[in-house]
Amino acid sequence: MTAENELLERGLARVRTGRFFEAHEELEDAWRAASPEERDFYQGLVHVAVAWYQAGRGNRVGCERQLEKAARRLGPYAPNHRDVNVASILRQVESAAAIVAAGSLELPPPRL
């Protein structure tokens, strides 16, 4: 397994366990190591982790911005990329954005 794939797996595992700040750090390292055509994918995953992190901190504006960035960056990689169900993530991002727009930051745990 390449270092990039290891960082991806560790980052996704941390998202799955609600360790969003740590996930963002792992995924950011993957983004930095990635080839230019892969960077938006990793950056989109970073935005997902940070959106959930910001929701947990009560930062509605930060959460909204991160969700918007996640959708924009991940969209071109749908439906699947690097064994990640990007279409599912995009649906979860859209659902989270609707929850935040309705005035709540109680986001369901992401399923990646």
N, C-alpha and C. Protein backbone atom coordinates (compact mmCIF):
# COMPACT_ATOMS: atom_id res chain seq x y z
N MET A 1 0.84 -1.17 0.00
CA MET A 1 0.00 0.00 0.00
C MET A 1 0.89 1.24 0.00
N THR A 2 0.56 2.21 -0.83
CA THR A 2 1.36 3.43 -0.89
C THR A 2 1.10 4.30 0.34
N ALA A 3 2.02 5.22 0.58
CA ALA A 3 1.86 6.14 1.71
C ALA A 3 0.57 6.95 1.56
N GLU A 4 0.28 7.35 0.33
CA GLU A 4 -0.94 8.12 0.06
C GLU A 4 -2.18 7.31 0.44
N ASN A 5 -2.20 6.03 0.05
CA ASN A 5 -3.34 5.17 0.39
C ASN A 5 -3.45 4.95 1.89
N GLU A 6 -2.32 4.81 2.56
CA GLU A 6 -2.33 4.65 4.02
C GLU A 6 -2.91 5.88 4.69
N LEU A 7 -2.51 7.06 4.23
CA LEU A 7 -3.05 8.30 4.79
C LEU A 7 -4.55 8.40 4.54
N LEU A 8 -4.98 8.01 3.35
CA LEU A 8 -6.41 8.02 3.03
C LEU A 8 -7.17 7.11 3.98
N GLU A 9 -6.68 5.88 4.13
CA GLU A 9 -7.36 4.92 5.00
C GLU A 9 -7.40 5.39 6.45
N ARG A 10 -6.29 5.92 6.92
CA ARG A 10 -6.26 6.42 8.31
C ARG A 10 -7.19 7.61 8.47
N GLY A 11 -7.21 8.50 7.49
CA GLY A 11 -8.11 9.65 7.56
C GLY A 11 -9.57 9.24 7.57
N LEU A 12 -9.94 8.32 6.70
CA LEU A 12 -11.33 7.85 6.65
C LEU A 12 -11.70 7.14 7.94
N ALA A 13 -10.77 6.35 8.50
CA ALA A 13 -11.04 5.65 9.75
C ALA A 13 -11.30 6.65 10.88
N ARG A 14 -10.57 7.72 10.89
CA ARG A 14 -10.76 8.74 11.93
C ARG A 14 -12.09 9.46 11.75
N VAL A 15 -12.49 9.72 10.51
CA VAL A 15 -13.82 10.31 10.28
C VAL A 15 -14.88 9.37 10.83
N ARG A 16 -14.75 8.08 10.51
CA ARG A 16 -15.74 7.09 10.95
C ARG A 16 -15.89 7.03 12.47
N THR A 17 -14.81 7.35 13.19
CA THR A 17 -14.86 7.29 14.65
C THR A 17 -15.08 8.66 15.28
N GLY A 18 -15.38 9.66 14.45
CA GLY A 18 -15.69 10.99 14.98
C GLY A 18 -14.48 11.81 15.40
N ARG A 19 -13.30 11.38 14.98
CA ARG A 19 -12.08 12.12 15.31
C ARG A 19 -11.74 13.03 14.12
N PHE A 20 -12.56 14.07 13.97
CA PHE A 20 -12.54 14.89 12.76
C PHE A 20 -11.28 15.73 12.62
N PHE A 21 -10.77 16.27 13.72
CA PHE A 21 -9.56 17.07 13.61
C PHE A 21 -8.39 16.20 13.17
N GLU A 22 -8.25 15.02 13.79
CA GLU A 22 -7.18 14.10 13.40
C GLU A 22 -7.36 13.64 11.95
N ALA A 23 -8.60 13.41 11.55
CA ALA A 23 -8.89 13.00 10.17
C ALA A 23 -8.42 14.07 9.20
N HIS A 24 -8.71 15.30 9.53
CA HIS A 24 -8.33 16.41 8.65
C HIS A 24 -6.81 16.45 8.49
N GLU A 25 -6.07 16.17 9.55
CA GLU A 25 -4.61 16.19 9.45
C GLU A 25 -4.10 15.07 8.55
N GLU A 26 -4.64 13.86 8.70
CA GLU A 26 -4.22 12.73 7.85
C GLU A 26 -4.55 13.01 6.38
N LEU A 27 -5.77 13.48 6.15
CA LEU A 27 -6.21 13.72 4.77
C LEU A 27 -5.46 14.90 4.15
N GLU A 28 -5.10 15.86 4.96
CA GLU A 28 -4.31 16.98 4.44
C GLU A 28 -2.93 16.50 4.01
N ASP A 29 -2.35 15.59 4.78
CA ASP A 29 -1.05 15.01 4.38
C ASP A 29 -1.19 14.25 3.06
N ALA A 30 -2.28 13.52 2.89
CA ALA A 30 -2.53 12.81 1.62
C ALA A 30 -2.66 13.80 0.48
N TRP A 31 -3.38 14.88 0.73
CA TRP A 31 -3.57 15.91 -0.29
C TRP A 31 -2.23 16.50 -0.73
N ARG A 32 -1.38 16.78 0.24
CA ARG A 32 -0.07 17.35 -0.10
C ARG A 32 0.78 16.39 -0.92
N ALA A 33 0.65 15.09 -0.66
CA ALA A 33 1.45 14.09 -1.37
C ALA A 33 0.85 13.70 -2.72
N ALA A 34 -0.38 14.08 -2.97
CA ALA A 34 -1.10 13.62 -4.16
C ALA A 34 -0.64 14.33 -5.42
N SER A 35 -0.88 13.66 -6.53
CA SER A 35 -0.64 14.27 -7.84
C SER A 35 -1.68 15.37 -8.06
N PRO A 36 -1.41 16.32 -8.94
CA PRO A 36 -2.35 17.43 -9.14
C PRO A 36 -3.78 16.99 -9.47
N GLU A 37 -3.94 15.92 -10.25
CA GLU A 37 -5.30 15.50 -10.62
C GLU A 37 -6.05 14.82 -9.46
N GLU A 38 -5.35 14.51 -8.39
CA GLU A 38 -5.97 13.88 -7.22
C GLU A 38 -6.23 14.86 -6.08
N ARG A 39 -5.66 16.02 -6.16
CA ARG A 39 -5.70 16.93 -5.01
C ARG A 39 -7.10 17.38 -4.62
N ASP A 40 -7.95 17.66 -5.59
CA ASP A 40 -9.31 18.10 -5.25
C ASP A 40 -10.07 17.00 -4.50
N PHE A 41 -9.82 15.75 -4.84
CA PHE A 41 -10.46 14.64 -4.14
C PHE A 41 -10.10 14.67 -2.65
N TYR A 42 -8.82 14.74 -2.37
CA TYR A 42 -8.37 14.76 -0.98
C TYR A 42 -8.83 16.04 -0.27
N GLN A 43 -8.74 17.14 -0.97
CA GLN A 43 -9.16 18.39 -0.35
C GLN A 43 -10.66 18.36 -0.04
N GLY A 44 -11.45 17.74 -0.91
CA GLY A 44 -12.87 17.58 -0.63
C GLY A 44 -13.12 16.77 0.63
N LEU A 45 -12.34 15.71 0.82
CA LEU A 45 -12.47 14.90 2.03
C LEU A 45 -12.04 15.69 3.27
N VAL A 46 -11.00 16.52 3.12
CA VAL A 46 -10.60 17.40 4.22
C VAL A 46 -11.77 18.29 4.60
N HIS A 47 -12.45 18.87 3.60
CA HIS A 47 -13.59 19.75 3.87
C HIS A 47 -14.71 19.01 4.59
N VAL A 48 -14.93 17.75 4.25
CA VAL A 48 -15.95 16.96 4.95
C VAL A 48 -15.59 16.85 6.43
N ALA A 49 -14.35 16.45 6.72
CA ALA A 49 -13.92 16.30 8.11
C ALA A 49 -14.03 17.62 8.86
N VAL A 50 -13.61 18.71 8.24
CA VAL A 50 -13.64 20.01 8.91
C VAL A 50 -15.08 20.49 9.10
N ALA A 51 -15.97 20.19 8.17
CA ALA A 51 -17.38 20.58 8.33
C ALA A 51 -17.96 19.95 9.59
N TRP A 52 -17.73 18.65 9.75
CA TRP A 52 -18.25 17.96 10.95
C TRP A 52 -17.55 18.47 12.21
N TYR A 53 -16.29 18.78 12.11
CA TYR A 53 -15.55 19.34 13.25
C TYR A 53 -16.16 20.69 13.65
N GLN A 54 -16.41 21.54 12.66
CA GLN A 54 -16.98 22.86 12.94
C GLN A 54 -18.39 22.73 13.52
N ALA A 55 -19.16 21.79 13.04
CA ALA A 55 -20.50 21.57 13.60
C ALA A 55 -20.38 21.23 15.09
N GLY A 56 -19.43 20.38 15.43
CA GLY A 56 -19.22 20.00 16.81
C GLY A 56 -18.77 21.14 17.70
N ARG A 57 -18.15 22.13 17.08
CA ARG A 57 -17.70 23.31 17.82
C ARG A 57 -18.77 24.39 17.87
N GLY A 58 -19.90 24.16 17.19
CA GLY A 58 -20.97 25.16 17.19
C GLY A 58 -20.76 26.28 16.19
N ASN A 59 -19.88 26.08 15.22
CA ASN A 59 -19.56 27.11 14.23
C ASN A 59 -20.39 26.88 12.96
N ARG A 60 -21.57 27.48 12.93
CA ARG A 60 -22.49 27.27 11.80
C ARG A 60 -21.90 27.78 10.48
N VAL A 61 -21.36 28.99 10.49
CA VAL A 61 -20.82 29.56 9.25
C VAL A 61 -19.66 28.73 8.73
N GLY A 62 -18.75 28.34 9.63
CA GLY A 62 -17.63 27.50 9.22
C GLY A 62 -18.09 26.17 8.65
N CYS A 63 -19.09 25.58 9.28
CA CYS A 63 -19.63 24.31 8.81
C CYS A 63 -20.23 24.48 7.42
N GLU A 64 -21.04 25.50 7.24
CA GLU A 64 -21.68 25.75 5.93
C GLU A 64 -20.64 25.91 4.83
N ARG A 65 -19.62 26.69 5.09
CA ARG A 65 -18.58 26.93 4.08
C ARG A 65 -17.84 25.65 3.72
N GLN A 66 -17.54 24.85 4.73
CA GLN A 66 -16.83 23.60 4.48
C GLN A 66 -17.69 22.62 3.67
N LEU A 67 -18.98 22.57 3.98
CA LEU A 67 -19.88 21.69 3.21
C LEU A 67 -19.95 22.12 1.75
N GLU A 68 -20.03 23.43 1.52
CA GLU A 68 -20.06 23.94 0.13
C GLU A 68 -18.78 23.56 -0.61
N LYS A 69 -17.65 23.74 0.03
CA LYS A 69 -16.36 23.41 -0.59
C LYS A 69 -16.25 21.91 -0.85
N ALA A 70 -16.73 21.10 0.10
CA ALA A 70 -16.67 19.64 -0.07
C ALA A 70 -17.46 19.22 -1.30
N ALA A 71 -18.66 19.75 -1.44
CA ALA A 71 -19.50 19.38 -2.59
C ALA A 71 -18.84 19.79 -3.90
N ARG A 72 -18.28 20.99 -3.93
CA ARG A 72 -17.66 21.48 -5.16
C ARG A 72 -16.43 20.65 -5.54
N ARG A 73 -15.60 20.32 -4.57
CA ARG A 73 -14.37 19.59 -4.87
C ARG A 73 -14.62 18.10 -5.17
N LEU A 74 -15.56 17.49 -4.46
CA LEU A 74 -15.79 16.05 -4.63
C LEU A 74 -16.67 15.72 -5.83
N GLY A 75 -17.51 16.63 -6.26
CA GLY A 75 -18.46 16.38 -7.35
C GLY A 75 -17.86 15.70 -8.56
N PRO A 76 -16.74 16.18 -9.08
CA PRO A 76 -16.17 15.56 -10.29
C PRO A 76 -15.69 14.12 -10.09
N TYR A 77 -15.56 13.67 -8.85
CA TYR A 77 -15.05 12.32 -8.58
C TYR A 77 -16.17 11.30 -8.38
N ALA A 78 -17.40 11.76 -8.42
CA ALA A 78 -18.54 10.84 -8.25
C ALA A 78 -18.66 9.95 -9.49
N PRO A 79 -19.18 8.76 -9.36
CA PRO A 79 -19.79 8.19 -8.17
C PRO A 79 -18.79 7.53 -7.21
N ASN A 80 -17.65 7.05 -7.73
CA ASN A 80 -16.66 6.37 -6.89
C ASN A 80 -15.27 6.79 -7.32
N HIS A 81 -14.39 6.87 -6.32
CA HIS A 81 -13.00 7.19 -6.61
C HIS A 81 -12.15 6.59 -5.50
N ARG A 82 -11.11 5.88 -5.88
CA ARG A 82 -10.20 5.23 -4.91
C ARG A 82 -10.96 4.40 -3.88
N ASP A 83 -11.93 3.66 -4.35
CA ASP A 83 -12.76 2.79 -3.50
C ASP A 83 -13.56 3.56 -2.46
N VAL A 84 -13.79 4.83 -2.70
CA VAL A 84 -14.62 5.66 -1.82
C VAL A 84 -15.91 5.98 -2.57
N ASN A 85 -17.04 5.76 -1.89
CA ASN A 85 -18.35 6.03 -2.48
C ASN A 85 -18.61 7.53 -2.40
N VAL A 86 -18.12 8.25 -3.38
CA VAL A 86 -18.22 9.71 -3.41
C VAL A 86 -19.67 10.15 -3.53
N ALA A 87 -20.47 9.42 -4.30
CA ALA A 87 -21.89 9.78 -4.44
C ALA A 87 -22.58 9.77 -3.08
N SER A 88 -22.28 8.80 -2.26
CA SER A 88 -22.86 8.73 -0.92
C SER A 88 -22.40 9.91 -0.07
N ILE A 89 -21.13 10.23 -0.14
CA ILE A 89 -20.61 11.37 0.62
C ILE A 89 -21.32 12.65 0.19
N LEU A 90 -21.50 12.82 -1.11
CA LEU A 90 -22.17 14.02 -1.61
C LEU A 90 -23.61 14.10 -1.11
N ARG A 91 -24.30 12.97 -1.03
CA ARG A 91 -25.67 12.97 -0.48
C ARG A 91 -25.65 13.37 0.99
N GLN A 92 -24.67 12.87 1.72
CA GLN A 92 -24.55 13.21 3.14
C GLN A 92 -24.21 14.69 3.34
N VAL A 93 -23.37 15.21 2.48
CA VAL A 93 -23.02 16.63 2.53
C VAL A 93 -24.26 17.48 2.24
N GLU A 94 -25.03 17.08 1.24
CA GLU A 94 -26.26 17.80 0.91
C GLU A 94 -27.25 17.75 2.07
N SER A 95 -27.40 16.60 2.67
CA SER A 95 -28.30 16.45 3.82
C SER A 95 -27.82 17.29 5.00
N ALA A 96 -26.52 17.28 5.25
CA ALA A 96 -25.96 18.08 6.34
C ALA A 96 -26.19 19.57 6.08
N ALA A 97 -26.02 20.00 4.84
CA ALA A 97 -26.24 21.40 4.50
C ALA A 97 -27.69 21.80 4.77
N ALA A 98 -28.62 20.91 4.48
CA ALA A 98 -30.04 21.19 4.74
C ALA A 98 -30.30 21.30 6.24
N ILE A 99 -29.67 20.44 7.02
CA ILE A 99 -29.83 20.49 8.48
C ILE A 99 -29.30 21.82 9.02
N VAL A 100 -28.13 22.21 8.54
CA VAL A 100 -27.52 23.46 9.00
C VAL A 100 -28.38 24.65 8.55
N ALA A 101 -28.87 24.62 7.33
CA ALA A 101 -29.71 25.71 6.82
C ALA A 101 -30.99 25.85 7.65
N ALA A 102 -31.46 24.72 8.20
CA ALA A 102 -32.67 24.74 9.02
C ALA A 102 -32.38 25.20 10.45
N GLY A 103 -31.11 25.48 10.76
CA GLY A 103 -30.78 26.04 12.05
C GLY A 103 -30.17 25.09 13.07
N SER A 104 -29.85 23.88 12.67
CA SER A 104 -29.28 22.90 13.60
C SER A 104 -27.85 22.54 13.19
N LEU A 105 -27.07 22.17 14.17
CA LEU A 105 -25.72 21.64 13.90
C LEU A 105 -25.60 20.20 14.36
N GLU A 106 -26.74 19.56 14.61
CA GLU A 106 -26.78 18.15 15.03
C GLU A 106 -26.72 17.27 13.79
N LEU A 107 -25.52 17.05 13.30
CA LEU A 107 -25.33 16.27 12.07
C LEU A 107 -25.20 14.80 12.42
N PRO A 108 -25.82 13.94 11.61
CA PRO A 108 -25.60 12.51 11.83
C PRO A 108 -24.14 12.17 11.49
N PRO A 109 -23.59 11.15 12.13
CA PRO A 109 -22.20 10.78 11.83
C PRO A 109 -22.04 10.44 10.34
N PRO A 110 -20.97 10.92 9.73
CA PRO A 110 -20.76 10.60 8.31
C PRO A 110 -20.45 9.11 8.15
N ARG A 111 -20.93 8.54 7.06
CA ARG A 111 -20.66 7.14 6.73
C ARG A 111 -19.78 7.12 5.47
N LEU A 112 -18.50 6.91 5.70
CA LEU A 112 -17.55 6.92 4.57
C LEU A 112 -17.00 5.52 4.37
